[in-house]
All heavy atoms as atom14 arrays in JSON, in Angstrom:
{
  "sequence": "DEADGGVGRAEVVGVRRRDGSIQHELAVDDDALPT",
  "atom14_mask": [
    [1, 1, 1, 1, 1, 1, 1, 1, 0, 0, 0, 0, 0, 0],
    [1, 1, 1, 1, 1, 1, 1, 1, 1, 0, 0, 0, 0, 0],
    [1, 1, 1, 1, 1, 0, 0, 0, 0, 0, 0, 0, 0, 0],
    [1, 1, 1, 1, 1, 1, 1, 1, 0, 0, 0, 0, 0, 0],
    [1, 1, 1, 1, 0, 0, 0, 0, 0, 0, 0, 0, 0, 0],
    [1, 1, 1, 1, 0, 0, 0, 0, 0, 0, 0, 0, 0, 0],
    [1, 1, 1, 1, 1, 1, 1, 0, 0, 0, 0, 0, 0, 0],
    [1, 1, 1, 1, 0, 0, 0, 0, 0, 0, 0, 0, 0, 0],
    [1, 1, 1, 1, 1, 1, 1, 1, 1, 1, 1, 0, 0, 0],
    [1, 1, 1, 1, 1, 0, 0, 0, 0, 0, 0, 0, 0, 0],
    [1, 1, 1, 1, 1, 1, 1, 1, 1, 0, 0, 0, 0, 0],
    [1, 1, 1, 1, 1, 1, 1, 0, 0, 0, 0, 0, 0, 0],
    [1, 1, 1, 1, 1, 1, 1, 0, 0, 0, 0, 0, 0, 0],
    [1, 1, 1, 1, 0, 0, 0, 0, 0, 0, 0, 0, 0, 0],
    [1, 1, 1, 1, 1, 1, 1, 0, 0, 0, 0, 0, 0, 0],
    [1, 1, 1, 1, 1, 1, 1, 1, 1, 1, 1, 0, 0, 0],
    [1, 1, 1, 1, 1, 1, 1, 1, 1, 1, 1, 0, 0, 0],
    [1, 1, 1, 1, 1, 1, 1, 1, 1, 1, 1, 0, 0, 0],
    [1, 1, 1, 1, 1, 1, 1, 1, 0, 0, 0, 0, 0, 0],
    [1, 1, 1, 1, 0, 0, 0, 0, 0, 0, 0, 0, 0, 0],
    [1, 1, 1, 1, 1, 1, 0, 0, 0, 0, 0, 0, 0, 0],
    [1, 1, 1, 1, 1, 1, 1, 1, 0, 0, 0, 0, 0, 0],
    [1, 1, 1, 1, 1, 1, 1, 1, 1, 0, 0, 0, 0, 0],
    [1, 1, 1, 1, 1, 1, 1, 1, 1, 1, 0, 0, 0, 0],
    [1, 1, 1, 1, 1, 1, 1, 1, 1, 0, 0, 0, 0, 0],
    [1, 1, 1, 1, 1, 1, 1, 1, 0, 0, 0, 0, 0, 0],
    [1, 1, 1, 1, 1, 0, 0, 0, 0, 0, 0, 0, 0, 0],
    [1, 1, 1, 1, 1, 1, 1, 0, 0, 0, 0, 0, 0, 0],
    [1, 1, 1, 1, 1, 1, 1, 1, 0, 0, 0, 0, 0, 0],
    [1, 1, 1, 1, 1, 1, 1, 1, 0, 0, 0, 0, 0, 0],
    [1, 1, 1, 1, 1, 1, 1, 1, 0, 0, 0, 0, 0, 0],
    [1, 1, 1, 1, 1, 0, 0, 0, 0, 0, 0, 0, 0, 0],
    [1, 1, 1, 1, 1, 1, 1, 1, 0, 0, 0, 0, 0, 0],
    [1, 1, 1, 1, 1, 1, 1, 0, 0, 0, 0, 0, 0, 0],
    [1, 1, 1, 1, 1, 1, 1, 0, 0, 0, 0, 0, 0, 0]
  ],
  "atom14_positions": [
    [[-30.8, 34.86, 113.95], [-31.78, 34.57, 114.99], [-31.16, 33.62, 116.0], [-30.55, 32.61, 115.64], [-33.03, 33.93, 114.38], [-33.8, 34.9, 113.49], [-33.73, 36.11, 113.75], [-34.47, 34.42, 112.54], [0.0, 0.0, 0.0], [0.0, 0.0, 0.0], [0.0, 0.0, 0.0], [0.0, 0.0, 0.0], [0.0, 0.0, 0.0], [0.0, 0.0, 0.0]],
    [[-31.36, 33.93, 117.27], [-30.85, 33.08, 118.34], [-31.94, 32.15, 118.86], [-33.14, 32.4, 118.67], [-30.28, 33.95, 119.45], [-29.07, 34.77, 118.99], [-28.44, 35.55, 120.12], [-29.19, 36.03, 121.0], [-27.2, 35.68, 120.13], [0.0, 0.0, 0.0], [0.0, 0.0, 0.0], [0.0, 0.0, 0.0], [0.0, 0.0, 0.0], [0.0, 0.0, 0.0]],
    [[-31.51, 31.08, 119.53], [-32.44, 30.06, 120.0], [-33.47, 30.61, 120.99], [-34.6, 30.12, 121.08], [-31.67, 28.91, 120.64], [0.0, 0.0, 0.0], [0.0, 0.0, 0.0], [0.0, 0.0, 0.0], [0.0, 0.0, 0.0], [0.0, 0.0, 0.0], [0.0, 0.0, 0.0], [0.0, 0.0, 0.0], [0.0, 0.0, 0.0], [0.0, 0.0, 0.0]],
    [[-33.09, 31.65, 121.74], [-34.01, 32.21, 122.74], [-34.97, 33.23, 122.15], [-35.73, 33.88, 122.89], [-33.23, 32.84, 123.89], [-32.35, 34.01, 123.42], [-32.4, 34.36, 122.22], [-31.61, 34.55, 124.26], [0.0, 0.0, 0.0], [0.0, 0.0, 0.0], [0.0, 0.0, 0.0], [0.0, 0.0, 0.0], [0.0, 0.0, 0.0], [0.0, 0.0, 0.0]],
    [[-34.96, 33.37, 120.83], [-35.86, 34.31, 120.18], [-35.25, 35.68, 119.94], [-35.86, 36.53, 119.28], [0.0, 0.0, 0.0], [0.0, 0.0, 0.0], [0.0, 0.0, 0.0], [0.0, 0.0, 0.0], [0.0, 0.0, 0.0], [0.0, 0.0, 0.0], [0.0, 0.0, 0.0], [0.0, 0.0, 0.0], [0.0, 0.0, 0.0], [0.0, 0.0, 0.0]],
    [[-34.05, 35.91, 120.47], [-33.37, 37.18, 120.26], [-32.66, 37.21, 118.91], [-32.71, 36.27, 118.12], [0.0, 0.0, 0.0], [0.0, 0.0, 0.0], [0.0, 0.0, 0.0], [0.0, 0.0, 0.0], [0.0, 0.0, 0.0], [0.0, 0.0, 0.0], [0.0, 0.0, 0.0], [0.0, 0.0, 0.0], [0.0, 0.0, 0.0], [0.0, 0.0, 0.0]],
    [[-32.02, 38.33, 118.67], [-31.28, 38.52, 117.42], [-29.81, 38.75, 117.75], [-29.48, 39.67, 118.52], [-31.82, 39.71, 116.6], [-30.97, 39.93, 115.36], [-33.27, 39.46, 116.2], [0.0, 0.0, 0.0], [0.0, 0.0, 0.0], [0.0, 0.0, 0.0], [0.0, 0.0, 0.0], [0.0, 0.0, 0.0], [0.0, 0.0, 0.0], [0.0, 0.0, 0.0]],
    [[-28.94, 37.92, 117.2], [-27.51, 38.11, 117.36], [-26.98, 39.08, 116.32], [-27.49, 39.12, 115.19], [0.0, 0.0, 0.0], [0.0, 0.0, 0.0], [0.0, 0.0, 0.0], [0.0, 0.0, 0.0], [0.0, 0.0, 0.0], [0.0, 0.0, 0.0], [0.0, 0.0, 0.0], [0.0, 0.0, 0.0], [0.0, 0.0, 0.0], [0.0, 0.0, 0.0]],
    [[-25.99, 39.85, 116.69], [-25.43, 40.82, 115.75], [-23.95, 41.0, 116.06], [-23.56, 41.07, 117.23], [-26.13, 42.17, 115.87], [-25.74, 43.19, 114.81], [-26.52, 44.48, 114.99], [-26.35, 45.39, 113.88], [-25.32, 46.24, 113.74], [-24.37, 46.28, 114.69], [-25.24, 47.04, 112.7], [0.0, 0.0, 0.0], [0.0, 0.0, 0.0], [0.0, 0.0, 0.0]],
    [[-23.13, 41.06, 115.03], [-21.7, 41.26, 115.21], [-21.13, 42.04, 114.04], [-21.51, 41.81, 112.89], [-20.97, 39.92, 115.34], [0.0, 0.0, 0.0], [0.0, 0.0, 0.0], [0.0, 0.0, 0.0], [0.0, 0.0, 0.0], [0.0, 0.0, 0.0], [0.0, 0.0, 0.0], [0.0, 0.0, 0.0], [0.0, 0.0, 0.0], [0.0, 0.0, 0.0]],
    [[-20.23, 42.96, 114.35], [-19.54, 43.68, 113.29], [-18.47, 42.78, 112.68], [-17.77, 42.05, 113.39], [-18.88, 44.94, 113.84], [-19.86, 46.02, 114.24], [-19.14, 47.31, 114.6], [-17.95, 47.47, 114.23], [-19.77, 48.16, 115.26], [0.0, 0.0, 0.0], [0.0, 0.0, 0.0], [0.0, 0.0, 0.0], [0.0, 0.0, 0.0], [0.0, 0.0, 0.0]],
    [[-18.35, 42.85, 111.36], [-17.26, 42.17, 110.65], [-16.12, 43.18, 110.56], [-16.2, 44.17, 109.84], [-17.7, 41.72, 109.25], [-16.54, 41.05, 108.51], [-18.89, 40.76, 109.34], [0.0, 0.0, 0.0], [0.0, 0.0, 0.0], [0.0, 0.0, 0.0], [0.0, 0.0, 0.0], [0.0, 0.0, 0.0], [0.0, 0.0, 0.0], [0.0, 0.0, 0.0]],
    [[-15.06, 42.93, 111.33], [-13.96, 43.9, 111.44], [-12.71, 43.47, 110.66], [-11.75, 44.23, 110.57], [-13.6, 44.14, 112.91], [-14.77, 44.79, 113.65], [-13.19, 42.84, 113.6], [0.0, 0.0, 0.0], [0.0, 0.0, 0.0], [0.0, 0.0, 0.0], [0.0, 0.0, 0.0], [0.0, 0.0, 0.0], [0.0, 0.0, 0.0], [0.0, 0.0, 0.0]],
    [[-12.74, 42.26, 110.12], [-11.61, 41.78, 109.33], [-12.06, 40.64, 108.44], [-12.92, 39.85, 108.83], [0.0, 0.0, 0.0], [0.0, 0.0, 0.0], [0.0, 0.0, 0.0], [0.0, 0.0, 0.0], [0.0, 0.0, 0.0], [0.0, 0.0, 0.0], [0.0, 0.0, 0.0], [0.0, 0.0, 0.0], [0.0, 0.0, 0.0], [0.0, 0.0, 0.0]],
    [[-11.51, 40.58, 107.24], [-11.81, 39.5, 106.31], [-10.51, 39.1, 105.64], [-9.74, 39.97, 105.2], [-12.84, 39.93, 105.23], [-13.31, 38.71, 104.42], [-14.04, 40.64, 105.84], [0.0, 0.0, 0.0], [0.0, 0.0, 0.0], [0.0, 0.0, 0.0], [0.0, 0.0, 0.0], [0.0, 0.0, 0.0], [0.0, 0.0, 0.0], [0.0, 0.0, 0.0]],
    [[-10.26, 37.79, 105.57], [-9.03, 37.34, 104.95], [-9.24, 35.98, 104.28], [-10.13, 35.22, 104.66], [-7.91, 37.21, 105.99], [-8.15, 36.13, 107.04], [-7.0, 36.03, 108.01], [-7.19, 34.92, 108.95], [-6.31, 34.59, 109.88], [-5.19, 35.29, 110.02], [-6.54, 33.56, 110.68], [0.0, 0.0, 0.0], [0.0, 0.0, 0.0], [0.0, 0.0, 0.0]],
    [[-8.41, 35.72, 103.29], [-8.42, 34.43, 102.64], [-7.34, 33.56, 103.27], [-6.18, 33.97, 103.36], [-8.16, 34.58, 101.14], [-8.45, 33.32, 100.33], [-8.07, 33.53, 98.87], [-8.85, 34.58, 98.25], [-10.07, 34.43, 97.75], [-10.66, 33.24, 97.82], [-10.71, 35.43, 97.18], [0.0, 0.0, 0.0], [0.0, 0.0, 0.0], [0.0, 0.0, 0.0]],
    [[-7.73, 32.35, 103.71], [-6.77, 31.46, 104.34], [-7.14, 30.0, 104.05], [-8.29, 29.61, 104.23], [-6.73, 31.69, 105.85], [-5.66, 30.87, 106.57], [-5.57, 31.25, 108.03], [-4.49, 30.54, 108.69], [-4.18, 30.66, 109.98], [-4.87, 31.5, 110.73], [-3.19, 29.97, 110.51], [0.0, 0.0, 0.0], [0.0, 0.0, 0.0], [0.0, 0.0, 0.0]],
    [[-6.15, 29.25, 103.59], [-6.34, 27.82, 103.31], [-7.53, 27.58, 102.4], [-8.32, 26.63, 102.6], [-6.51, 27.03, 104.61], [-5.29, 27.13, 105.52], [-4.18, 27.29, 104.98], [-5.46, 27.06, 106.75], [0.0, 0.0, 0.0], [0.0, 0.0, 0.0], [0.0, 0.0, 0.0], [0.0, 0.0, 0.0], [0.0, 0.0, 0.0], [0.0, 0.0, 0.0]],
    [[-7.67, 28.44, 101.39], [-8.73, 28.25, 100.41], [-10.1, 28.74, 100.82], [-11.06, 28.61, 100.06], [0.0, 0.0, 0.0], [0.0, 0.0, 0.0], [0.0, 0.0, 0.0], [0.0, 0.0, 0.0], [0.0, 0.0, 0.0], [0.0, 0.0, 0.0], [0.0, 0.0, 0.0], [0.0, 0.0, 0.0], [0.0, 0.0, 0.0], [0.0, 0.0, 0.0]],
    [[-10.23, 29.31, 102.03], [-11.51, 29.8, 102.5], [-11.41, 31.28, 102.86], [-10.32, 31.8, 103.08], [-11.97, 29.02, 103.74], [-12.15, 27.66, 103.45], [0.0, 0.0, 0.0], [0.0, 0.0, 0.0], [0.0, 0.0, 0.0], [0.0, 0.0, 0.0], [0.0, 0.0, 0.0], [0.0, 0.0, 0.0], [0.0, 0.0, 0.0], [0.0, 0.0, 0.0]],
    [[-12.55, 31.93, 102.93], [-12.6, 33.32, 103.35], [-13.11, 33.36, 104.79], [-14.2, 32.89, 105.09], [-13.51, 34.16, 102.43], [-12.89, 34.25, 101.03], [-13.72, 35.56, 103.01], [-13.72, 35.0, 100.03], [0.0, 0.0, 0.0], [0.0, 0.0, 0.0], [0.0, 0.0, 0.0], [0.0, 0.0, 0.0], [0.0, 0.0, 0.0], [0.0, 0.0, 0.0]],
    [[-12.29, 33.91, 105.68], [-12.63, 34.0, 107.09], [-13.09, 35.41, 107.43], [-12.49, 36.39, 106.98], [-11.42, 33.63, 107.96], [-10.96, 32.2, 107.82], [-9.82, 31.88, 108.77], [-9.05, 32.74, 109.15], [-9.72, 30.61, 109.16], [0.0, 0.0, 0.0], [0.0, 0.0, 0.0], [0.0, 0.0, 0.0], [0.0, 0.0, 0.0], [0.0, 0.0, 0.0]],
    [[-14.14, 35.49, 108.25], [-14.7, 36.76, 108.69], [-14.44, 36.91, 110.17], [-14.9, 36.07, 110.98], [-16.2, 36.79, 108.42], [-16.58, 36.47, 107.0], [-16.51, 35.18, 106.49], [-17.02, 37.26, 105.99], [-16.9, 35.19, 105.23], [-17.21, 36.44, 104.9], [0.0, 0.0, 0.0], [0.0, 0.0, 0.0], [0.0, 0.0, 0.0], [0.0, 0.0, 0.0]],
    [[-13.71, 37.94, 110.55], [-13.41, 38.17, 111.96], [-14.5, 39.04, 112.57], [-14.79, 40.15, 112.08], [-12.05, 38.86, 112.12], [-11.66, 39.08, 113.56], [-10.29, 39.74, 113.71], [-9.61, 39.94, 112.69], [-9.95, 40.07, 114.86], [0.0, 0.0, 0.0], [0.0, 0.0, 0.0], [0.0, 0.0, 0.0], [0.0, 0.0, 0.0], [0.0, 0.0, 0.0]],
    [[-15.1, 38.55, 113.64], [-16.22, 39.24, 114.26], [-15.82, 39.89, 115.57], [-15.06, 39.32, 116.35], [-17.36, 38.25, 114.52], [-17.84, 37.42, 113.33], [-19.04, 36.56, 113.74], [-18.21, 38.3, 112.14], [0.0, 0.0, 0.0], [0.0, 0.0, 0.0], [0.0, 0.0, 0.0], [0.0, 0.0, 0.0], [0.0, 0.0, 0.0], [0.0, 0.0, 0.0]],
    [[-16.36, 41.08, 115.81], [-16.14, 41.78, 117.08], [-17.26, 41.38, 118.03], [-18.25, 42.09, 118.21], [-16.13, 43.29, 116.85], [0.0, 0.0, 0.0], [0.0, 0.0, 0.0], [0.0, 0.0, 0.0], [0.0, 0.0, 0.0], [0.0, 0.0, 0.0], [0.0, 0.0, 0.0], [0.0, 0.0, 0.0], [0.0, 0.0, 0.0], [0.0, 0.0, 0.0]],
    [[-17.11, 40.2, 118.64], [-18.14, 39.68, 119.54], [-17.47, 38.69, 120.48], [-16.46, 38.07, 120.14], [-19.27, 39.0, 118.73], [-18.77, 37.77, 118.0], [-20.47, 38.67, 119.6], [0.0, 0.0, 0.0], [0.0, 0.0, 0.0], [0.0, 0.0, 0.0], [0.0, 0.0, 0.0], [0.0, 0.0, 0.0], [0.0, 0.0, 0.0], [0.0, 0.0, 0.0]],
    [[-18.02, 38.54, 121.68], [-17.48, 37.56, 122.63], [-17.63, 36.15, 122.07], [-18.6, 35.85, 121.36], [-18.22, 37.65, 123.97], [-17.96, 38.97, 124.67], [-16.92, 39.61, 124.38], [-18.8, 39.38, 125.49], [0.0, 0.0, 0.0], [0.0, 0.0, 0.0], [0.0, 0.0, 0.0], [0.0, 0.0, 0.0], [0.0, 0.0, 0.0], [0.0, 0.0, 0.0]],
    [[-16.68, 35.28, 122.41], [-16.7, 33.91, 121.88], [-18.01, 33.19, 122.18], [-18.51, 32.43, 121.35], [-15.53, 33.11, 122.46], [-14.19, 33.55, 121.9], [-14.19, 34.35, 120.94], [-13.14, 33.1, 122.4], [0.0, 0.0, 0.0], [0.0, 0.0, 0.0], [0.0, 0.0, 0.0], [0.0, 0.0, 0.0], [0.0, 0.0, 0.0], [0.0, 0.0, 0.0]],
    [[-18.58, 33.43, 123.37], [-19.82, 32.72, 123.73], [-21.04, 33.27, 123.01], [-22.15, 32.73, 123.12], [-20.04, 32.74, 125.24], [-20.15, 34.16, 125.79], [-20.05, 35.14, 125.02], [-20.32, 34.29, 127.03], [0.0, 0.0, 0.0], [0.0, 0.0, 0.0], [0.0, 0.0, 0.0], [0.0, 0.0, 0.0], [0.0, 0.0, 0.0], [0.0, 0.0, 0.0]],
    [[-20.85, 34.36, 122.24], [-21.97, 34.94, 121.49], [-21.85, 34.69, 119.99], [-22.67, 35.18, 119.21], [-22.04, 36.45, 121.75], [0.0, 0.0, 0.0], [0.0, 0.0, 0.0], [0.0, 0.0, 0.0], [0.0, 0.0, 0.0], [0.0, 0.0, 0.0], [0.0, 0.0, 0.0], [0.0, 0.0, 0.0], [0.0, 0.0, 0.0], [0.0, 0.0, 0.0]],
    [[-20.85, 33.91, 119.59], [-20.65, 33.62, 118.17], [-21.77, 32.72, 117.63], [-22.27, 31.85, 118.34], [-19.31, 32.92, 117.95], [-18.06, 33.77, 118.07], [-16.83, 32.88, 118.23], [-17.9, 34.67, 116.84], [0.0, 0.0, 0.0], [0.0, 0.0, 0.0], [0.0, 0.0, 0.0], [0.0, 0.0, 0.0], [0.0, 0.0, 0.0], [0.0, 0.0, 0.0]],
    [[-22.14, 32.91, 116.36], [-23.09, 31.96, 115.76], [-22.42, 30.6, 115.59], [-21.22, 30.52, 115.33], [-23.41, 32.6, 114.41], [-22.21, 33.43, 114.08], [-21.7, 33.93, 115.41], [0.0, 0.0, 0.0], [0.0, 0.0, 0.0], [0.0, 0.0, 0.0], [0.0, 0.0, 0.0], [0.0, 0.0, 0.0], [0.0, 0.0, 0.0], [0.0, 0.0, 0.0]],
    [[-23.17, 29.54, 115.75], [-22.62, 28.19, 115.65], [-22.73, 27.67, 114.22], [-23.52, 28.19, 113.42], [-23.37, 27.24, 116.6], [-24.77, 27.28, 116.29], [-23.16, 27.67, 118.04], [0.0, 0.0, 0.0], [0.0, 0.0, 0.0], [0.0, 0.0, 0.0], [0.0, 0.0, 0.0], [0.0, 0.0, 0.0], [0.0, 0.0, 0.0], [0.0, 0.0, 0.0]]
  ]
}
């Protein structure tokens, strides 16, 4: 859910383990990323 009442959505196009964490790569513009 976005602050303006809309719904954010992004495809997960890559997943990798790095530095002990699992990172999810999203196909979305940087300014549309969840915070």
